[in-house]
Amino acid sequence: MEVIHAEPEAAAPTGVPGPEPDPAPARAQLPVPAGSARRPRGHSLWTWITCFLFLALCVVGYEARHPIANEWPWLVPVYEGFGIVVGEGQGAQPARPE
C-alpha cells in the first residue's frame, strides 16, 4: 500500500489582498408555485368601453355635422381638414336666427 502525502498549500503572500468575503449571506431561492404566473389577458373592459365611446363620438360628430357647423362655425375647418364637406345640409338651419 502506497501512502500519498499531500503537499502543503502555498500561502498567499502578505500585503496582497485576497478575495473579499461576501458581506451579505446569500438568500435562499424559494420555489414559485406553478399557478401564480400572470397569464396574458385580452383587452380589458375599460379598453373596449373607451373604444366604443370614441367610435360613438365620431359617428355623432359626422351625422350632426350640419347643426354643429351652424352652432360653432369655427369647427368648419376641422371638418374640411378631414375631407368632410359641410354645406347647407338637409333642413340645416342656424341654431340662432339672424
C-alpha atoms as a PDB file:
ATOM      1  CA  MET A   1       0.000   0.000   0.000  1.00  0.00           C
ATOM      2  CA  GLU A   2       1.312   3.305  -1.002  1.00  0.00           C
ATOM      3  CA  VAL A   3       0.915   6.394   1.190  1.00  0.00           C
ATOM      4  CA  ILE A   4       0.260   9.655  -0.599  1.00  0.00           C
ATOM      5  CA  HIS A   5       1.365  12.783   1.117  1.00  0.00           C
ATOM      6  CA  ALA A   6      -0.436  15.997   0.241  1.00  0.00           C
ATOM      7  CA  GLU A   7       1.767  18.926  -0.418  1.00  0.00           C
ATOM      8  CA  PRO A   8       1.126  21.959   1.748  1.00  0.00           C
ATOM      9  CA  GLU A   9      -0.832  24.731   0.069  1.00  0.00           C
ATOM     10  CA  ALA A  10       1.121  27.785  -0.862  1.00  0.00           C
ATOM     11  CA  ALA A  11       0.163  30.637   1.418  1.00  0.00           C
ATOM     12  CA  ALA A  12      -0.759  33.926  -0.222  1.00  0.00           C
ATOM     13  CA  PRO A  13       1.979  36.481   0.121  1.00  0.00           C
ATOM     14  CA  THR A  14       1.289  39.063   2.774  1.00  0.00           C
ATOM     15  CA  GLY A  15       0.214  42.508   1.574  1.00  0.00           C
ATOM     16  CA  VAL A  16      -1.701  41.133  -1.442  1.00  0.00           C
ATOM     17  CA  PRO A  17      -5.444  41.315  -0.892  1.00  0.00           C
ATOM     18  CA  GLY A  18      -7.354  38.138  -1.363  1.00  0.00           C
ATOM     19  CA  PRO A  19     -10.999  37.773  -2.357  1.00  0.00           C
ATOM     20  CA  GLU A  20     -13.322  39.791  -0.167  1.00  0.00           C
ATOM     21  CA  PRO A  21     -15.772  37.762   1.901  1.00  0.00           C
ATOM     22  CA  ASP A  22     -19.396  38.306   0.882  1.00  0.00           C
ATOM     23  CA  PRO A  23     -20.856  40.762   3.447  1.00  0.00           C
ATOM     24  CA  ALA A  24     -24.461  39.607   2.974  1.00  0.00           C
ATOM     25  CA  PRO A  25     -25.362  35.959   3.157  1.00  0.00           C
ATOM     26  CA  ALA A  26     -26.997  34.517   0.052  1.00  0.00           C
ATOM     27  CA  ARG A  27     -30.792  34.459   0.187  1.00  0.00           C
ATOM     28  CA  ALA A  28     -32.437  31.140  -0.351  1.00  0.00           C
ATOM     29  CA  GLN A  29     -34.436  30.933  -3.583  1.00  0.00           C
ATOM     30  CA  LEU A  30     -37.994  29.962  -2.775  1.00  0.00           C
ATOM     31  CA  PRO A  31     -39.899  27.838  -5.269  1.00  0.00           C
ATOM     32  CA  VAL A  32     -42.574  29.653  -7.247  1.00  0.00           C
ATOM     33  CA  PRO A  33     -45.963  27.931  -7.359  1.00  0.00           C
ATOM     34  CA  ALA A  34     -46.913  26.895 -10.889  1.00  0.00           C
ATOM     35  CA  GLY A  35     -50.270  28.683 -10.935  1.00  0.00           C
ATOM     36  CA  SER A  36     -49.037  32.076  -9.758  1.00  0.00           C
ATOM     37  CA  ALA A  37     -47.528  33.260 -13.054  1.00  0.00           C
ATOM     38  CA  ARG A  38     -49.503  36.082 -14.643  1.00  0.00           C
ATOM     39  CA  ARG A  39     -51.259  34.860 -17.715  1.00  0.00           C
ATOM     40  CA  PRO A  40     -51.565  37.341 -20.559  1.00  0.00           C
ATOM     41  CA  ARG A  41     -55.128  38.583 -20.689  1.00  0.00           C
ATOM     42  CA  GLY A  42     -57.058  40.071 -23.529  1.00  0.00           C
ATOM     43  CA  HIS A  43     -58.062  43.684 -23.710  1.00  0.00           C
ATOM     44  CA  SER A  44     -59.615  44.956 -20.525  1.00  0.00           C
ATOM     45  CA  LEU A  45     -63.192  46.065 -20.268  1.00  0.00           C
ATOM     46  CA  TRP A  46     -62.106  49.699 -19.975  1.00  0.00           C
ATOM     47  CA  THR A  47     -60.281  49.485 -23.286  1.00  0.00           C
ATOM     48  CA  TRP A  48     -63.430  48.270 -25.015  1.00  0.00           C
ATOM     49  CA  ILE A  49     -65.586  50.932 -23.349  1.00  0.00           C
ATOM     50  CA  THR A  50     -63.158  53.677 -24.397  1.00  0.00           C
ATOM     51  CA  CYS A  51     -63.088  52.431 -27.994  1.00  0.00           C
ATOM     52  CA  PHE A  52     -66.878  52.263 -28.127  1.00  0.00           C
ATOM     53  CA  LEU A  53     -67.275  55.798 -26.751  1.00  0.00           C
ATOM     54  CA  PHE A  54     -64.726  57.192 -29.228  1.00  0.00           C
ATOM     55  CA  LEU A  55     -66.493  55.483 -32.128  1.00  0.00           C
ATOM     56  CA  ALA A  56     -69.880  56.776 -30.936  1.00  0.00           C
ATOM     57  CA  LEU A  57     -68.465  60.316 -30.674  1.00  0.00           C
ATOM     58  CA  CYS A  58     -67.141  60.092 -34.245  1.00  0.00           C
ATOM     59  CA  VAL A  59     -70.500  58.867 -35.597  1.00  0.00           C
ATOM     60  CA  VAL A  60     -72.456  61.574 -33.775  1.00  0.00           C
ATOM     61  CA  GLY A  61     -69.981  64.231 -34.911  1.00  0.00           C
ATOM     62  CA  TYR A  62     -70.371  63.138 -38.516  1.00  0.00           C
ATOM     63  CA  GLU A  63     -74.135  62.712 -38.520  1.00  0.00           C
ATOM     64  CA  ALA A  64     -74.763  66.012 -36.741  1.00  0.00           C
ATOM     65  CA  ARG A  65     -72.160  67.957 -38.752  1.00  0.00           C
ATOM     66  CA  HIS A  66     -74.632  70.500 -40.169  1.00  0.00           C
ATOM     67  CA  PRO A  67     -76.160  71.617 -36.859  1.00  0.00           C
ATOM     68  CA  ILE A  68     -72.708  71.562 -35.249  1.00  0.00           C
ATOM     69  CA  ALA A  69     -71.252  73.715 -38.037  1.00  0.00           C
ATOM     70  CA  ASN A  70     -74.167  76.138 -37.752  1.00  0.00           C
ATOM     71  CA  GLU A  71     -73.781  76.420 -33.981  1.00  0.00           C
ATOM     72  CA  TRP A  72     -69.971  76.585 -33.939  1.00  0.00           C
ATOM     73  CA  PRO A  73     -68.711  77.909 -37.304  1.00  0.00           C
ATOM     74  CA  TRP A  74     -65.096  77.733 -36.149  1.00  0.00           C
ATOM     75  CA  LEU A  75     -65.347  73.915 -36.432  1.00  0.00           C
ATOM     76  CA  VAL A  76     -65.927  74.012 -40.214  1.00  0.00           C
ATOM     77  CA  PRO A  77     -62.146  73.994 -40.993  1.00  0.00           C
ATOM     78  CA  VAL A  78     -61.778  70.947 -38.737  1.00  0.00           C
ATOM     79  CA  TYR A  79     -64.399  69.049 -40.743  1.00  0.00           C
ATOM     80  CA  GLU A  80     -62.824  70.193 -44.012  1.00  0.00           C
ATOM     81  CA  GLY A  81     -59.430  69.077 -42.720  1.00  0.00           C
ATOM     82  CA  PHE A  82     -60.827  65.543 -42.550  1.00  0.00           C
ATOM     83  CA  GLY A  83     -62.282  65.925 -46.055  1.00  0.00           C
ATOM     84  CA  ILE A  84     -65.887  66.216 -44.868  1.00  0.00           C
ATOM     85  CA  VAL A  85     -67.887  68.795 -46.785  1.00  0.00           C
ATOM     86  CA  VAL A  86     -70.072  70.901 -44.542  1.00  0.00           C
ATOM     87  CA  GLY A  87     -72.563  72.899 -46.509  1.00  0.00           C
ATOM     88  CA  GLU A  88     -76.176  73.697 -46.143  1.00  0.00           C
ATOM     89  CA  GLY A  89     -77.453  70.193 -45.437  1.00  0.00           C
ATOM     90  CA  GLN A  90     -80.913  68.733 -45.394  1.00  0.00           C
ATOM     91  CA  GLY A  91     -83.003  71.100 -43.368  1.00  0.00           C
ATOM     92  CA  ALA A  92     -79.966  72.637 -41.715  1.00  0.00           C
ATOM     93  CA  GLN A  93     -80.974  75.852 -40.041  1.00  0.00           C
ATOM     94  CA  PRO A  94     -78.887  78.144 -37.899  1.00  0.00           C
ATOM     95  CA  ALA A  95     -79.365  77.479 -34.227  1.00  0.00           C
ATOM     96  CA  ARG A  96     -79.762  81.198 -33.614  1.00  0.00           C
ATOM     97  CA  PRO A  97     -81.870  83.108 -36.107  1.00  0.00           C
ATOM     98  CA  GLU A  98     -80.035  86.068 -37.531  1.00  0.00           C
END
